[in-house]
Amino acid sequence: ILSVRNGKCKTLRVGLLSTIQNVVEPLVFSLKVSLHENLPNR
């Protein structure tokens, strides 16, 4: 969860499990974002 109000970014680091054999195939990252709100119990 990331707070938009504080304006800070999140840095993620990844590491390789093994050497990459197929350097033609790109590394593809997917980002899914959704709004997060706690609904009140009223």
PDB file of all heavy atoms in Angstrom:
ATOM      1  N   ILE A   1       0.872  -1.169   0.000  1.00  0.00           N
ATOM      2  CA  ILE A   1       0.000   0.000   0.000  1.00  0.00           C
ATOM      3  C   ILE A   1       0.907   1.217   0.000  1.00  0.00           C
ATOM      4  O   ILE A   1       1.904   1.265   0.730  1.00  0.00           O
ATOM      5  CB  ILE A   1      -0.926   0.003   1.237  1.00  0.00           C
ATOM      6  CG1 ILE A   1      -1.831  -1.233   1.195  1.00  0.00           C
ATOM      7  CG2 ILE A   1      -1.731   1.287   1.298  1.00  0.00           C
ATOM      8  CD1 ILE A   1      -2.661  -1.413   2.448  1.00  0.00           C
ATOM      9  N   LEU A   2       0.569   2.209  -0.807  1.00  0.00           N
ATOM     10  CA  LEU A   2       1.373   3.421  -0.920  1.00  0.00           C
ATOM     11  C   LEU A   2       0.460   4.611  -0.703  1.00  0.00           C
ATOM     12  O   LEU A   2      -0.600   4.716  -1.313  1.00  0.00           O
ATOM     13  CB  LEU A   2       2.022   3.488  -2.309  1.00  0.00           C
ATOM     14  CG  LEU A   2       2.983   4.614  -2.585  1.00  0.00           C
ATOM     15  CD1 LEU A   2       4.219   4.504  -1.691  1.00  0.00           C
ATOM     16  CD2 LEU A   2       3.404   4.600  -4.043  1.00  0.00           C
ATOM     17  N   SER A   3       0.868   5.524   0.191  1.00  0.00           N
ATOM     18  CA  SER A   3       0.081   6.715   0.460  1.00  0.00           C
ATOM     19  C   SER A   3       0.415   7.780  -0.573  1.00  0.00           C
ATOM     20  O   SER A   3       1.574   8.145  -0.764  1.00  0.00           O
ATOM     21  CB  SER A   3       0.376   7.239   1.873  1.00  0.00           C
ATOM     22  OG  SER A   3      -0.266   8.476   2.060  1.00  0.00           O
ATOM     23  N   VAL A   4      -0.612   8.285  -1.238  1.00  0.00           N
ATOM     24  CA  VAL A   4      -0.413   9.325  -2.241  1.00  0.00           C
ATOM     25  C   VAL A   4      -0.196  10.677  -1.568  1.00  0.00           C
ATOM     26  O   VAL A   4       0.475  11.550  -2.093  1.00  0.00           O
ATOM     27  CB  VAL A   4      -1.625   9.377  -3.203  1.00  0.00           C
ATOM     28  CG1 VAL A   4      -1.460  10.454  -4.241  1.00  0.00           C
ATOM     29  CG2 VAL A   4      -1.820   8.025  -3.858  1.00  0.00           C
ATOM     30  N   ARG A   5      -0.724  10.848  -0.365  1.00  0.00           N
ATOM     31  CA  ARG A   5      -0.650  12.132   0.332  1.00  0.00           C
ATOM     32  C   ARG A   5       0.774  12.549   0.668  1.00  0.00           C
ATOM     33  O   ARG A   5       1.107  13.723   0.625  1.00  0.00           O
ATOM     34  CB  ARG A   5      -1.478  12.058   1.618  1.00  0.00           C
ATOM     35  CG  ARG A   5      -2.948  11.972   1.338  1.00  0.00           C
ATOM     36  CD  ARG A   5      -3.758  12.031   2.614  1.00  0.00           C
ATOM     37  NE  ARG A   5      -5.076  11.491   2.331  1.00  0.00           N
ATOM     38  CZ  ARG A   5      -5.563  10.402   2.879  1.00  0.00           C
ATOM     39  NH1 ARG A   5      -4.884   9.749   3.782  1.00  0.00           N
ATOM     40  NH2 ARG A   5      -6.756   9.982   2.554  1.00  0.00           N
ATOM     41  N   ASN A   6       1.643  11.592   1.031  1.00  0.00           N
ATOM     42  CA  ASN A   6       2.994  11.989   1.437  1.00  0.00           C
ATOM     43  C   ASN A   6       3.914  12.242   0.240  1.00  0.00           C
ATOM     44  O   ASN A   6       4.996  12.791   0.399  1.00  0.00           O
ATOM     45  CB  ASN A   6       3.614  10.971   2.395  1.00  0.00           C
ATOM     46  CG  ASN A   6       3.930   9.637   1.757  1.00  0.00           C
ATOM     47  OD1 ASN A   6       3.925   9.492   0.546  1.00  0.00           O
ATOM     48  ND2 ASN A   6       4.206   8.655   2.602  1.00  0.00           N
ATOM     49  N   GLY A   7       3.518  11.866  -0.960  1.00  0.00           N
ATOM     50  CA  GLY A   7       4.272  12.168  -2.174  1.00  0.00           C
ATOM     51  C   GLY A   7       5.591  11.417  -2.318  1.00  0.00           C
ATOM     52  O   GLY A   7       6.411  11.769  -3.148  1.00  0.00           O
ATOM     53  N   LYS A   8       5.814  10.409  -1.525  1.00  0.00           N
ATOM     54  CA  LYS A   8       7.054   9.647  -1.616  1.00  0.00           C
ATOM     55  C   LYS A   8       6.892   8.476  -2.567  1.00  0.00           C
ATOM     56  O   LYS A   8       5.835   7.874  -2.654  1.00  0.00           O
ATOM     57  CB  LYS A   8       7.469   9.130  -0.230  1.00  0.00           C
ATOM     58  CG  LYS A   8       7.900  10.229   0.705  1.00  0.00           C
ATOM     59  CD  LYS A   8       8.429   9.663   1.990  1.00  0.00           C
ATOM     60  CE  LYS A   8       8.901  10.782   2.903  1.00  0.00           C
ATOM     61  NZ  LYS A   8       9.391  10.268   4.175  1.00  0.00           N
ATOM     62  N   CYS A   9       7.980   8.169  -3.265  1.00  0.00           N
ATOM     63  CA  CYS A   9       7.995   7.034  -4.189  1.00  0.00           C
ATOM     64  C   CYS A   9       8.464   5.778  -3.458  1.00  0.00           C
ATOM     65  O   CYS A   9       9.101   5.854  -2.412  1.00  0.00           O
ATOM     66  CB  CYS A   9       8.954   7.309  -5.345  1.00  0.00           C
ATOM     67  SG  CYS A   9       8.412   8.646  -6.400  1.00  0.00           S
ATOM     68  N   LYS A  10       8.183   4.663  -4.034  1.00  0.00           N
ATOM     69  CA  LYS A  10       8.624   3.380  -3.501  1.00  0.00           C
ATOM     70  C   LYS A  10       9.643   2.802  -4.478  1.00  0.00           C
ATOM     71  O   LYS A  10       9.381   2.712  -5.680  1.00  0.00           O
ATOM     72  CB  LYS A  10       7.431   2.433  -3.367  1.00  0.00           C
ATOM     73  CG  LYS A  10       7.745   1.072  -2.841  1.00  0.00           C
ATOM     74  CD  LYS A  10       7.816   1.089  -1.342  1.00  0.00           C
ATOM     75  CE  LYS A  10       7.956  -0.329  -0.825  1.00  0.00           C
ATOM     76  NZ  LYS A  10       8.200  -0.347   0.581  1.00  0.00           N
ATOM     77  N   THR A  11      10.823   2.453  -3.982  1.00  0.00           N
ATOM     78  CA  THR A  11      11.857   1.853  -4.811  1.00  0.00           C
ATOM     79  C   THR A  11      11.917   0.370  -4.508  1.00  0.00           C
ATOM     80  O   THR A  11      12.030  -0.029  -3.352  1.00  0.00           O
ATOM     81  CB  THR A  11      13.231   2.499  -4.529  1.00  0.00           C
ATOM     82  OG1 THR A  11      13.135   3.896  -4.802  1.00  0.00           O
ATOM     83  CG2 THR A  11      14.310   1.884  -5.395  1.00  0.00           C
ATOM     84  N   LEU A  12      11.823  -0.438  -5.554  1.00  0.00           N
ATOM     85  CA  LEU A  12      11.901  -1.889  -5.404  1.00  0.00           C
ATOM     86  C   LEU A  12      13.179  -2.377  -6.065  1.00  0.00           C
ATOM     87  O   LEU A  12      13.548  -1.911  -7.139  1.00  0.00           O
ATOM     88  CB  LEU A  12      10.689  -2.560  -6.055  1.00  0.00           C
ATOM     89  CG  LEU A  12       9.324  -2.174  -5.506  1.00  0.00           C
ATOM     90  CD1 LEU A  12       8.225  -2.822  -6.332  1.00  0.00           C
ATOM     91  CD2 LEU A  12       9.199  -2.573  -4.047  1.00  0.00           C
ATOM     92  N   ARG A  13      13.827  -3.327  -5.432  1.00  0.00           N
ATOM     93  CA  ARG A  13      15.042  -3.929  -5.994  1.00  0.00           C
ATOM     94  C   ARG A  13      14.760  -5.384  -6.317  1.00  0.00           C
ATOM     95  O   ARG A  13      14.115  -6.089  -5.547  1.00  0.00           O
ATOM     96  CB  ARG A  13      16.182  -3.836  -4.988  1.00  0.00           C
ATOM     97  CG  ARG A  13      16.644  -2.409  -4.763  1.00  0.00           C
ATOM     98  CD  ARG A  13      17.818  -2.356  -3.846  1.00  0.00           C
ATOM     99  NE  ARG A  13      18.870  -3.203  -4.412  1.00  0.00           N
ATOM    100  CZ  ARG A  13      20.017  -3.447  -3.826  1.00  0.00           C
ATOM    101  NH1 ARG A  13      20.288  -2.905  -2.675  1.00  0.00           N
ATOM    102  NH2 ARG A  13      20.908  -4.233  -4.387  1.00  0.00           N
ATOM    103  N   VAL A  14      15.242  -5.814  -7.486  1.00  0.00           N
ATOM    104  CA  VAL A  14      15.097  -7.208  -7.885  1.00  0.00           C
ATOM    105  C   VAL A  14      16.476  -7.802  -8.106  1.00  0.00           C
ATOM    106  O   VAL A  14      17.441  -7.097  -8.370  1.00  0.00           O
ATOM    107  CB  VAL A  14      14.250  -7.364  -9.177  1.00  0.00           C
ATOM    108  CG1 VAL A  14      12.827  -6.964  -8.963  1.00  0.00           C
ATOM    109  CG2 VAL A  14      14.860  -6.606 -10.329  1.00  0.00           C
ATOM    110  N   GLY A  15      16.559  -9.101  -7.960  1.00  0.00           N
ATOM    111  CA  GLY A  15      17.804  -9.818  -8.195  1.00  0.00           C
ATOM    112  C   GLY A  15      17.566 -11.007  -9.104  1.00  0.00           C
ATOM    113  O   GLY A  15      16.466 -11.556  -9.167  1.00  0.00           O
ATOM    114  N   LEU A  16      18.611 -11.392  -9.832  1.00  0.00           N
ATOM    115  CA  LEU A  16      18.543 -12.539 -10.733  1.00  0.00           C
ATOM    116  C   LEU A  16      18.694 -13.835  -9.954  1.00  0.00           C
ATOM    117  O   LEU A  16      19.541 -13.933  -9.068  1.00  0.00           O
ATOM    118  CB  LEU A  16      19.654 -12.464 -11.775  1.00  0.00           C
ATOM    119  CG  LEU A  16      19.513 -11.431 -12.869  1.00  0.00           C
ATOM    120  CD1 LEU A  16      20.789 -11.356 -13.691  1.00  0.00           C
ATOM    121  CD2 LEU A  16      18.344 -11.766 -13.765  1.00  0.00           C
ATOM    122  N   LEU A  17      17.896 -14.827 -10.282  1.00  0.00           N
ATOM    123  CA  LEU A  17      18.034 -16.153  -9.678  1.00  0.00           C
ATOM    124  C   LEU A  17      19.154 -16.940 -10.334  1.00  0.00           C
ATOM    125  O   LEU A  17      19.813 -17.747  -9.703  1.00  0.00           O
ATOM    126  CB  LEU A  17      16.727 -16.936  -9.793  1.00  0.00           C
ATOM    127  CG  LEU A  17      15.585 -16.400  -8.942  1.00  0.00           C
ATOM    128  CD1 LEU A  17      14.314 -17.161  -9.243  1.00  0.00           C
ATOM    129  CD2 LEU A  17      15.924 -16.518  -7.480  1.00  0.00           C
ATOM    130  N   SER A  18      19.342 -16.730 -11.638  1.00  0.00           N
ATOM    131  CA  SER A  18      20.405 -17.394 -12.394  1.00  0.00           C
ATOM    132  C   SER A  18      20.749 -16.507 -13.577  1.00  0.00           C
ATOM    133  O   SER A  18      20.045 -15.534 -13.859  1.00  0.00           O
ATOM    134  CB  SER A  18      19.958 -18.781 -12.855  1.00  0.00           C
ATOM    135  OG  SER A  18      18.834 -18.655 -13.703  1.00  0.00           O
ATOM    136  N   THR A  19      21.807 -16.850 -14.277  1.00  0.00           N
ATOM    137  CA  THR A  19      22.174 -16.042 -15.430  1.00  0.00           C
ATOM    138  C   THR A  19      21.097 -16.141 -16.498  1.00  0.00           C
ATOM    139  O   THR A  19      20.450 -17.175 -16.655  1.00  0.00           O
ATOM    140  CB  THR A  19      23.524 -16.492 -16.024  1.00  0.00           C
ATOM    141  OG1 THR A  19      23.423 -17.870 -16.382  1.00  0.00           O
ATOM    142  CG2 THR A  19      24.653 -16.285 -15.053  1.00  0.00           C
ATOM    143  N   ILE A  20      20.911 -15.079 -17.230  1.00  0.00           N
ATOM    144  CA  ILE A  20      19.900 -15.034 -18.277  1.00  0.00           C
ATOM    145  C   ILE A  20      20.486 -15.661 -19.531  1.00  0.00           C
ATOM    146  O   ILE A  20      21.502 -15.203 -20.041  1.00  0.00           O
ATOM    147  CB  ILE A  20      19.442 -13.590 -18.516  1.00  0.00           C
ATOM    148  CG1 ILE A  20      18.729 -13.080 -17.268  1.00  0.00           C
ATOM    149  CG2 ILE A  20      18.543 -13.504 -19.739  1.00  0.00           C
ATOM    150  CD1 ILE A  20      18.276 -11.653 -17.352  1.00  0.00           C
ATOM    151  N   GLN A  21      19.850 -16.718 -20.004  1.00  0.00           N
ATOM    152  CA  GLN A  21      20.320 -17.434 -21.190  1.00  0.00           C
ATOM    153  C   GLN A  21      19.827 -16.779 -22.472  1.00  0.00           C
ATOM    154  O   GLN A  21      20.550 -16.667 -23.439  1.00  0.00           O
ATOM    155  CB  GLN A  21      19.854 -18.898 -21.155  1.00  0.00           C
ATOM    156  CG  GLN A  21      20.355 -19.662 -19.948  1.00  0.00           C
ATOM    157  CD  GLN A  21      21.855 -19.794 -19.909  1.00  0.00           C
ATOM    158  OE1 GLN A  21      22.479 -19.992 -20.936  1.00  0.00           O
ATOM    159  NE2 GLN A  21      22.446 -19.657 -18.739  1.00  0.00           N
ATOM    160  N   ASN A  22      18.572 -16.366 -22.486  1.00  0.00           N
ATOM    161  CA  ASN A  22      17.978 -15.796 -23.685  1.00  0.00           C
ATOM    162  C   ASN A  22      17.938 -14.277 -23.548  1.00  0.00           C
ATOM    163  O   ASN A  22      16.995 -13.722 -23.002  1.00  0.00           O
ATOM    164  CB  ASN A  22      16.563 -16.349 -23.896  1.00  0.00           C
ATOM    165  CG  ASN A  22      15.938 -15.863 -25.188  1.00  0.00           C
ATOM    166  OD1 ASN A  22      16.520 -15.070 -25.923  1.00  0.00           O
ATOM    167  ND2 ASN A  22      14.739 -16.339 -25.469  1.00  0.00           N
ATOM    168  N   VAL A  23      18.974 -13.610 -24.066  1.00  0.00           N
ATOM    169  CA  VAL A  23      19.042 -12.165 -23.926  1.00  0.00           C
ATOM    170  C   VAL A  23      18.173 -11.448 -24.947  1.00  0.00           C
ATOM    171  O   VAL A  23      18.049 -10.232 -24.912  1.00  0.00           O
ATOM    172  CB  VAL A  23      20.496 -11.647 -24.010  1.00  0.00           C
ATOM    173  CG1 VAL A  23      21.331 -12.174 -22.878  1.00  0.00           C
ATOM    174  CG2 VAL A  23      21.121 -11.977 -25.352  1.00  0.00           C
ATOM    175  N   VAL A  24      17.551 -12.169 -25.849  1.00  0.00           N
ATOM    176  CA  VAL A  24      16.651 -11.556 -26.812  1.00  0.00           C
ATOM    177  C   VAL A  24      15.295 -11.284 -26.164  1.00  0.00           C
ATOM    178  O   VAL A  24      14.653 -10.286 -26.435  1.00  0.00           O
ATOM    179  CB  VAL A  24      16.501 -12.445 -28.064  1.00  0.00           C
ATOM    180  CG1 VAL A  24      15.480 -11.879 -29.020  1.00  0.00           C
ATOM    181  CG2 VAL A  24      17.841 -12.592 -28.752  1.00  0.00           C
ATOM    182  N   GLU A  25      14.861 -12.174 -25.293  1.00  0.00           N
ATOM    183  CA  GLU A  25      13.578 -12.009 -24.615  1.00  0.00           C
ATOM    184  C   GLU A  25      13.701 -10.935 -23.546  1.00  0.00           C
ATOM    185  O   GLU A  25      14.553 -11.005 -22.667  1.00  0.00           O
ATOM    186  CB  GLU A  25      13.165 -13.343 -23.968  1.00  0.00           C
ATOM    187  CG  GLU A  25      11.852 -13.284 -23.234  1.00  0.00           C
ATOM    188  CD  GLU A  25      11.548 -14.582 -22.512  1.00  0.00           C
ATOM    189  OE1 GLU A  25      12.252 -15.578 -22.733  1.00  0.00           O
ATOM    190  OE2 GLU A  25      10.620 -14.580 -21.697  1.00  0.00           O
ATOM    191  N   PRO A  26      12.848  -9.888 -23.603  1.00  0.00           N
ATOM    192  CA  PRO A  26      12.955  -8.826 -22.596  1.00  0.00           C
ATOM    193  C   PRO A  26      12.428  -9.287 -21.239  1.00  0.00           C
ATOM    194  O   PRO A  26      11.672 -10.258 -21.140  1.00  0.00           O
ATOM    195  CB  PRO A  26      12.069  -7.715 -23.171  1.00  0.00           C
ATOM    196  CG  PRO A  26      11.065  -8.431 -23.998  1.00  0.00           C
ATOM    197  CD  PRO A  26      11.784  -9.640 -24.568  1.00  0.00           C
ATOM    198  N   LEU A  27      12.828  -8.574 -20.192  1.00  0.00           N
ATOM    199  CA  LEU A  27      12.260  -8.772 -18.865  1.00  0.00           C
ATOM    200  C   LEU A  27      11.026  -7.881 -18.787  1.00  0.00           C
ATOM    201  O   LEU A  27      11.120  -6.672 -19.009  1.00  0.00           O
ATOM    202  CB  LEU A  27      13.262  -8.377 -17.784  1.00  0.00           C
ATOM    203  CG  LEU A  27      14.563  -9.166 -17.765  1.00  0.00           C
ATOM    204  CD1 LEU A  27      15.545  -8.566 -16.771  1.00  0.00           C
ATOM    205  CD2 LEU A  27      14.306 -10.620 -17.431  1.00  0.00           C
ATOM    206  N   VAL A  28       9.861  -8.461 -18.512  1.00  0.00           N
ATOM    207  CA  VAL A  28       8.617  -7.707 -18.527  1.00  0.00           C
ATOM    208  C   VAL A  28       8.084  -7.599 -17.104  1.00  0.00           C
ATOM    209  O   VAL A  28       7.948  -8.599 -16.403  1.00  0.00           O
ATOM    210  CB  VAL A  28       7.566  -8.378 -19.442  1.00  0.00           C
ATOM    211  CG1 VAL A  28       6.267  -7.580 -19.453  1.00  0.00           C
ATOM    212  CG2 VAL A  28       8.109  -8.521 -20.857  1.00  0.00           C
ATOM    213  N   PHE A  29       7.802  -6.365 -16.688  1.00  0.00           N
ATOM    214  CA  PHE A  29       7.225  -6.085 -15.380  1.00  0.00           C
ATOM    215  C   PHE A  29       5.797  -5.607 -15.578  1.00  0.00           C
ATOM    216  O   PHE A  29       5.502  -4.865 -16.509  1.00  0.00           O
ATOM    217  CB  PHE A  29       8.018  -4.988 -14.658  1.00  0.00           C
ATOM    218  CG  PHE A  29       9.386  -5.410 -14.224  1.00  0.00           C
ATOM    219  CD1 PHE A  29      10.447  -5.402 -15.111  1.00  0.00           C
ATOM    220  CD2 PHE A  29       9.607  -5.827 -12.929  1.00  0.00           C
ATOM    221  CE1 PHE A  29      11.707  -5.788 -14.717  1.00  0.00           C
ATOM    222  CE2 PHE A  29      10.862  -6.227 -12.529  1.00  0.00           C
ATOM    223  CZ  PHE A  29      11.917  -6.207 -13.421  1.00  0.00           C
ATOM    224  N   SER A  30       4.900  -6.035 -14.688  1.00  0.00           N
ATOM    225  CA  SER A  30       3.503  -5.623 -14.742  1.00  0.00           C
ATOM    226  C   SER A  30       3.160  -4.907 -13.440  1.00  0.00           C
ATOM    227  O   SER A  30       3.511  -5.382 -12.351  1.00  0.00           O
ATOM    228  CB  SER A  30       2.601  -6.843 -14.924  1.00  0.00           C
ATOM    229  OG  SER A  30       1.242  -6.455 -14.859  1.00  0.00           O
ATOM    230  N   LEU A  31       2.470  -3.766 -13.545  1.00  0.00           N
ATOM    231  CA  LEU A  31       2.051  -2.992 -12.378  1.00  0.00           C
ATOM    232  C   LEU A  31       0.542  -2.882 -12.385  1.00  0.00           C
ATOM    233  O   LEU A  31      -0.053  -2.413 -13.355  1.00  0.00           O
ATOM    234  CB  LEU A  31       2.675  -1.588 -12.417  1.00  0.00           C
ATOM    235  CG  LEU A  31       2.159  -0.579 -11.390  1.00  0.00           C
ATOM    236  CD1 LEU A  31       2.518  -1.016  -9.974  1.00  0.00           C
ATOM    237  CD2 LEU A  31       2.711   0.806 -11.690  1.00  0.00           C
ATOM    238  N   LYS A  32      -0.103  -3.326 -11.288  1.00  0.00           N
ATOM    239  CA  LYS A  32      -1.546  -3.192 -11.115  1.00  0.00           C
ATOM    240  C   LYS A  32      -1.766  -2.262  -9.933  1.00  0.00           C
ATOM    241  O   LYS A  32      -1.163  -2.440  -8.865  1.00  0.00           O
ATOM    242  CB  LYS A  32      -2.202  -4.548 -10.832  1.00  0.00           C
ATOM    243  CG  LYS A  32      -2.156  -5.504 -11.983  1.00  0.00           C
ATOM    244  CD  LYS A  32      -2.832  -6.814 -11.627  1.00  0.00           C
ATOM    245  CE  LYS A  32      -2.661  -7.810 -12.762  1.00  0.00           C
ATOM    246  NZ  LYS A  32      -3.226  -9.114 -12.422  1.00  0.00           N
ATOM    247  N   VAL A  33      -2.618  -1.268 -10.130  1.00  0.00           N
ATOM    248  CA  VAL A  33      -2.881  -0.275  -9.094  1.00  0.00           C
ATOM    249  C   VAL A  33      -4.380  -0.195  -8.863  1.00  0.00           C
ATOM    250  O   VAL A  33      -5.168  -0.210  -9.805  1.00  0.00           O
ATOM    251  CB  VAL A  33      -2.344   1.116  -9.522  1.00  0.00           C
ATOM    252  CG1 VAL A  33      -2.643   2.158  -8.469  1.00  0.00           C
ATOM    253  CG2 VAL A  33      -0.856   1.057  -9.802  1.00  0.00           C
ATOM    254  N   SER A  34      -4.779  -0.087  -7.596  1.00  0.00           N
ATOM    255  CA  SER A  34      -6.188   0.128  -7.265  1.00  0.00           C
ATOM    256  C   SER A  34      -6.261   1.060  -6.060  1.00  0.00           C
ATOM    257  O   SER A  34      -5.299   1.183  -5.291  1.00  0.00           O
ATOM    258  CB  SER A  34      -6.891  -1.198  -6.964  1.00  0.00           C
ATOM    259  OG  SER A  34      -6.297  -1.814  -5.843  1.00  0.00           O
ATOM    260  N   LEU A  35      -7.388   1.730  -5.920  1.00  0.00           N
ATOM    261  CA  LEU A  35      -7.572   2.647  -4.797  1.00  0.00           C
ATOM    262  C   LEU A  35      -7.797   1.855  -3.527  1.00  0.00           C
ATOM    263  O   LEU A  35      -8.447   0.816  -3.524  1.00  0.00           O
ATOM    264  CB  LEU A  35      -8.754   3.579  -5.063  1.00  0.00           C
ATOM    265  CG  LEU A  35      -8.596   4.498  -6.268  1.00  0.00           C
ATOM    266  CD1 LEU A  35      -9.884   5.264  -6.509  1.00  0.00           C
ATOM    267  CD2 LEU A  35      -7.440   5.462  -6.050  1.00  0.00           C
ATOM    268  N   HIS A  36      -7.275   2.376  -2.425  1.00  0.00           N
ATOM    269  CA  HIS A  36      -7.415   1.700  -1.137  1.00  0.00           C
ATOM    270  C   HIS A  36      -8.105   2.650  -0.175  1.00  0.00           C
ATOM    271  O   HIS A  36      -7.595   3.721   0.122  1.00  0.00           O
ATOM    272  CB  HIS A  36      -6.039   1.318  -0.590  1.00  0.00           C
ATOM    273  CG  HIS A  36      -6.088   0.766   0.797  1.00  0.00           C
ATOM    274  ND1 HIS A  36      -6.551  -0.491   1.063  1.00  0.00           N
ATOM    275  CD2 HIS A  36      -5.744   1.303   1.988  1.00  0.00           C
ATOM    276  CE1 HIS A  36      -6.480  -0.711   2.356  1.00  0.00           C
ATOM    277  NE2 HIS A  36      -6.000   0.371   2.939  1.00  0.00           N
ATOM    278  N   GLU A  37      -9.296   2.320   0.278  1.00  0.00           N
ATOM    279  CA  GLU A  37     -10.022   3.105   1.270  1.00  0.00           C
ATOM    280  C   GLU A  37     -10.675   2.134   2.241  1.00  0.00           C
ATOM    281  O   GLU A  37     -11.230   1.125   1.846  1.00  0.00           O
ATOM    282  CB  GLU A  37     -11.120   3.957   0.610  1.00  0.00           C
ATOM    283  CG  GLU A  37     -10.598   5.097  -0.233  1.00  0.00           C
ATOM    284  CD  GLU A  37     -10.033   6.244   0.596  1.00  0.00           C
ATOM    285  OE1 GLU A  37     -10.295   6.303   1.804  1.00  0.00           O
ATOM    286  OE2 GLU A  37      -9.324   7.080   0.010  1.00  0.00           O
ATOM    287  N   ASN A  38     -10.597   2.475   3.501  1.00  0.00           N
ATOM    288  CA  ASN A  38     -11.307   1.694   4.512  1.00  0.00           C
ATOM    289  C   ASN A  38     -12.732   2.221   4.598  1.00  0.00           C
ATOM    290  O   ASN A  38     -12.948   3.384   4.939  1.00  0.00           O
ATOM    291  CB  ASN A  38     -10.632   1.818   5.877  1.00  0.00           C
ATOM    292  CG  ASN A  38      -9.297   1.115   5.902  1.00  0.00           C
ATOM    293  OD1 ASN A  38      -9.106   0.140   5.203  1.00  0.00           O
ATOM    294  ND2 ASN A  38      -8.374   1.642   6.680  1.00  0.00           N
ATOM    295  N   LEU A  39     -13.713   1.408   4.243  1.00  0.00           N
ATOM    296  CA  LEU A  39     -15.111   1.829   4.307  1.00  0.00           C
ATOM    297  C   LEU A  39     -15.559   1.897   5.762  1.00  0.00           C
ATOM    298  O   LEU A  39     -15.300   0.982   6.544  1.00  0.00           O
ATOM    299  CB  LEU A  39     -15.994   0.850   3.532  1.00  0.00           C
ATOM    300  CG  LEU A  39     -15.786   0.828   2.021  1.00  0.00           C
ATOM    301  CD1 LEU A  39     -16.609  -0.296   1.399  1.00  0.00           C
ATOM    302  CD2 LEU A  39     -16.165   2.156   1.406  1.00  0.00           C
ATOM    303  N   PRO A  40     -16.235   3.007   6.145  1.00  0.00           N
ATOM    304  CA  PRO A  40     -16.708   3.124   7.535  1.00  0.00           C
ATOM    305  C   PRO A  40     -17.876   2.170   7.786  1.00  0.00           C
ATOM    306  O   PRO A  40     -18.589   1.789   6.864  1.00  0.00           O
ATOM    307  CB  PRO A  40     -17.144   4.584   7.648  1.00  0.00           C
ATOM    308  CG  PRO A  40     -17.400   5.031   6.250  1.00  0.00           C
ATOM    309  CD  PRO A  40     -16.544   4.189   5.356  1.00  0.00           C
ATOM    310  N   ASN A  41     -18.053   1.833   9.038  1.00  0.00           N
ATOM    311  CA  ASN A  41     -19.149   0.944   9.436  1.00  0.00           C
ATOM    312  C   ASN A  41     -20.326   1.784   9.911  1.00  0.00           C
ATOM    313  O   ASN A  41     -20.629   1.850  11.107  1.00  0.00           O
ATOM    314  CB  ASN A  41     -18.704  -0.022  10.545  1.00  0.00           C
ATOM    315  CG  ASN A  41     -17.691  -1.012  10.040  1.00  0.00           C
ATOM    316  OD1 ASN A  41     -17.740  -1.383   8.875  1.00  0.00           O
ATOM    317  ND2 ASN A  41     -16.788  -1.438  10.896  1.00  0.00           N
ATOM    318  N   ARG A  42     -20.983   2.465   9.028  1.00  0.00           N
ATOM    319  CA  ARG A  42     -22.159   3.271   9.389  1.00  0.00           C
ATOM    320  C   ARG A  42     -23.377   2.736   8.659  1.00  0.00           C
ATOM    321  O   ARG A  42     -23.264   2.010   7.680  1.00  0.00           O
ATOM    322  CB  ARG A  42     -21.948   4.737   9.004  1.00  0.00           C
ATOM    323  CG  ARG A  42     -20.922   5.424   9.868  1.00  0.00           C
ATOM    324  CD  ARG A  42     -21.049   6.910   9.672  1.00  0.00           C
ATOM    325  NE  ARG A  42     -19.702   7.462   9.503  1.00  0.00           N
ATOM    326  CZ  ARG A  42     -19.448   8.591   8.938  1.00  0.00           C
ATOM    327  NH1 ARG A  42     -20.402   9.318   8.425  1.00  0.00           N
ATOM    328  NH2 ARG A  42     -18.220   9.027   8.839  1.00  0.00           N
TER     329      ARG A  42
END
